[in-house]
Each structure stands twice: as C-alpha cells, then as structure tokens.
Amino acid sequence: MEDTSVQGFLLVAGLVFGVVSLIHLVRAINSWEFVIGPLDLPVTASWVGFLVTLGLCLWAFWLLL
C-alpha cells in the first residue's frame, strides 16, 4: 500500500478498534452492568463486541502489512 492517507486511516481505525475491544474485554471480565434506560445489556454482548472489534482491529493492522 503506497497511499499514506490510506495507511493513516488504517492505523487510526486499528487503534480505535483496539481500544474499544479492550473496553469490551474489561467490562466482560469484571461483569460490569450497562443499563440504557429500561434496557439492561447482558455481559455476553460485550464478549461478542470484543470478538468483533478485535477482528476489525487485526484486519486493519493486517492490511497495513
């Protein structure tokens, strides 16, 4: 990949997805509650969110290679 704007985008996207992935992992491990109004989001949603964002993070960094 030669375009520096694409490389910059992939770097930033990978970092953002990595941070979000870590937040999901910490919430899932600590079983923190997440309530939006009357909706209580189960911890399993954070496990799914962790896997999805981790995959996107790894994909972005893989495209940089």
C-alpha atoms as a PDB file:
ATOM      1  CA  MET A   1       0.000   0.000   0.000  1.00  0.00           C
ATOM      2  CA  GLU A   2       1.591   3.251  -1.103  1.00  0.00           C
ATOM      3  CA  ASP A   3      -1.053   5.847  -0.304  1.00  0.00           C
ATOM      4  CA  THR A   4      -0.160   7.473   3.028  1.00  0.00           C
ATOM      5  CA  SER A   5      -3.729   8.675   3.657  1.00  0.00           C
ATOM      6  CA  VAL A   6      -4.974   5.087   3.458  1.00  0.00           C
ATOM      7  CA  GLN A   7      -2.172   3.936   5.750  1.00  0.00           C
ATOM      8  CA  GLY A   8      -3.030   6.691   8.215  1.00  0.00           C
ATOM      9  CA  PHE A   9      -6.692   5.742   8.132  1.00  0.00           C
ATOM     10  CA  LEU A  10      -5.916   2.077   8.736  1.00  0.00           C
ATOM     11  CA  LEU A  11      -3.596   2.947  11.623  1.00  0.00           C
ATOM     12  CA  VAL A  12      -6.182   5.164  13.325  1.00  0.00           C
ATOM     13  CA  ALA A  13      -9.007   2.687  12.685  1.00  0.00           C
ATOM     14  CA  GLY A  14      -6.914  -0.175  14.075  1.00  0.00           C
ATOM     15  CA  LEU A  15      -6.063   1.798  17.197  1.00  0.00           C
ATOM     16  CA  VAL A  16      -9.674   2.867  17.796  1.00  0.00           C
ATOM     17  CA  PHE A  17     -10.972  -0.686  17.321  1.00  0.00           C
ATOM     18  CA  GLY A  18      -8.215  -1.942  19.626  1.00  0.00           C
ATOM     19  CA  VAL A  19      -9.192   0.469  22.405  1.00  0.00           C
ATOM     20  CA  VAL A  20     -12.895  -0.357  22.032  1.00  0.00           C
ATOM     21  CA  SER A  21     -12.011  -4.055  22.075  1.00  0.00           C
ATOM     22  CA  LEU A  22     -10.118  -3.630  25.356  1.00  0.00           C
ATOM     23  CA  ILE A  23     -13.057  -1.745  26.885  1.00  0.00           C
ATOM     24  CA  HIS A  24     -15.400  -4.599  25.934  1.00  0.00           C
ATOM     25  CA  LEU A  25     -12.967  -7.136  27.395  1.00  0.00           C
ATOM     26  CA  VAL A  26     -12.625  -5.266  30.700  1.00  0.00           C
ATOM     27  CA  ARG A  27     -16.396  -4.939  31.006  1.00  0.00           C
ATOM     28  CA  ALA A  28     -16.919  -8.634  30.268  1.00  0.00           C
ATOM     29  CA  ILE A  29     -14.250  -9.816  32.711  1.00  0.00           C
ATOM     30  CA  ASN A  30     -15.471  -7.567  35.531  1.00  0.00           C
ATOM     31  CA  SER A  31     -19.179  -8.223  34.771  1.00  0.00           C
ATOM     32  CA  TRP A  32     -19.977  -4.516  34.864  1.00  0.00           C
ATOM     33  CA  GLU A  33     -23.610  -3.623  34.353  1.00  0.00           C
ATOM     34  CA  PHE A  34     -24.568  -1.493  31.370  1.00  0.00           C
ATOM     35  CA  VAL A  35     -28.053  -0.027  31.501  1.00  0.00           C
ATOM     36  CA  ILE A  36     -29.641   2.229  28.889  1.00  0.00           C
ATOM     37  CA  GLY A  37     -32.984   3.394  30.218  1.00  0.00           C
ATOM     38  CA  PRO A  38     -35.072   0.270  30.807  1.00  0.00           C
ATOM     39  CA  LEU A  39     -32.694  -1.925  28.780  1.00  0.00           C
ATOM     40  CA  ASP A  40     -30.055  -3.951  30.627  1.00  0.00           C
ATOM     41  CA  LEU A  41     -27.323  -5.045  28.204  1.00  0.00           C
ATOM     42  CA  PRO A  42     -26.079  -8.559  29.056  1.00  0.00           C
ATOM     43  CA  VAL A  43     -22.370  -9.259  29.521  1.00  0.00           C
ATOM     44  CA  THR A  44     -22.468 -11.691  26.586  1.00  0.00           C
ATOM     45  CA  ALA A  45     -22.938  -8.663  24.326  1.00  0.00           C
ATOM     46  CA  SER A  46     -19.530  -7.429  25.453  1.00  0.00           C
ATOM     47  CA  TRP A  47     -17.950 -10.784  24.605  1.00  0.00           C
ATOM     48  CA  VAL A  48     -19.430 -10.534  21.117  1.00  0.00           C
ATOM     49  CA  GLY A  49     -18.363  -6.888  20.895  1.00  0.00           C
ATOM     50  CA  PHE A  50     -14.862  -7.858  21.992  1.00  0.00           C
ATOM     51  CA  LEU A  51     -14.524 -10.504  19.293  1.00  0.00           C
ATOM     52  CA  VAL A  52     -15.941  -8.283  16.542  1.00  0.00           C
ATOM     53  CA  THR A  53     -13.815  -5.238  17.380  1.00  0.00           C
ATOM     54  CA  LEU A  54     -10.722  -7.382  17.900  1.00  0.00           C
ATOM     55  CA  GLY A  55     -11.274  -8.862  14.442  1.00  0.00           C
ATOM     56  CA  LEU A  56     -11.636  -5.408  12.908  1.00  0.00           C
ATOM     57  CA  CYS A  57      -8.513  -4.219  14.722  1.00  0.00           C
ATOM     58  CA  LEU A  58      -6.451  -7.160  13.492  1.00  0.00           C
ATOM     59  CA  TRP A  59      -7.842  -6.760   9.977  1.00  0.00           C
ATOM     60  CA  ALA A  60      -6.846  -3.071   9.859  1.00  0.00           C
ATOM     61  CA  PHE A  61      -3.304  -3.829  11.024  1.00  0.00           C
ATOM     62  CA  TRP A  62      -3.045  -6.803   8.645  1.00  0.00           C
ATOM     63  CA  LEU A  63      -3.912  -4.500   5.736  1.00  0.00           C
ATOM     64  CA  LEU A  64      -1.021  -2.246   6.751  1.00  0.00           C
ATOM     65  CA  LEU A  65       1.488  -5.036   6.099  1.00  0.00           C
END
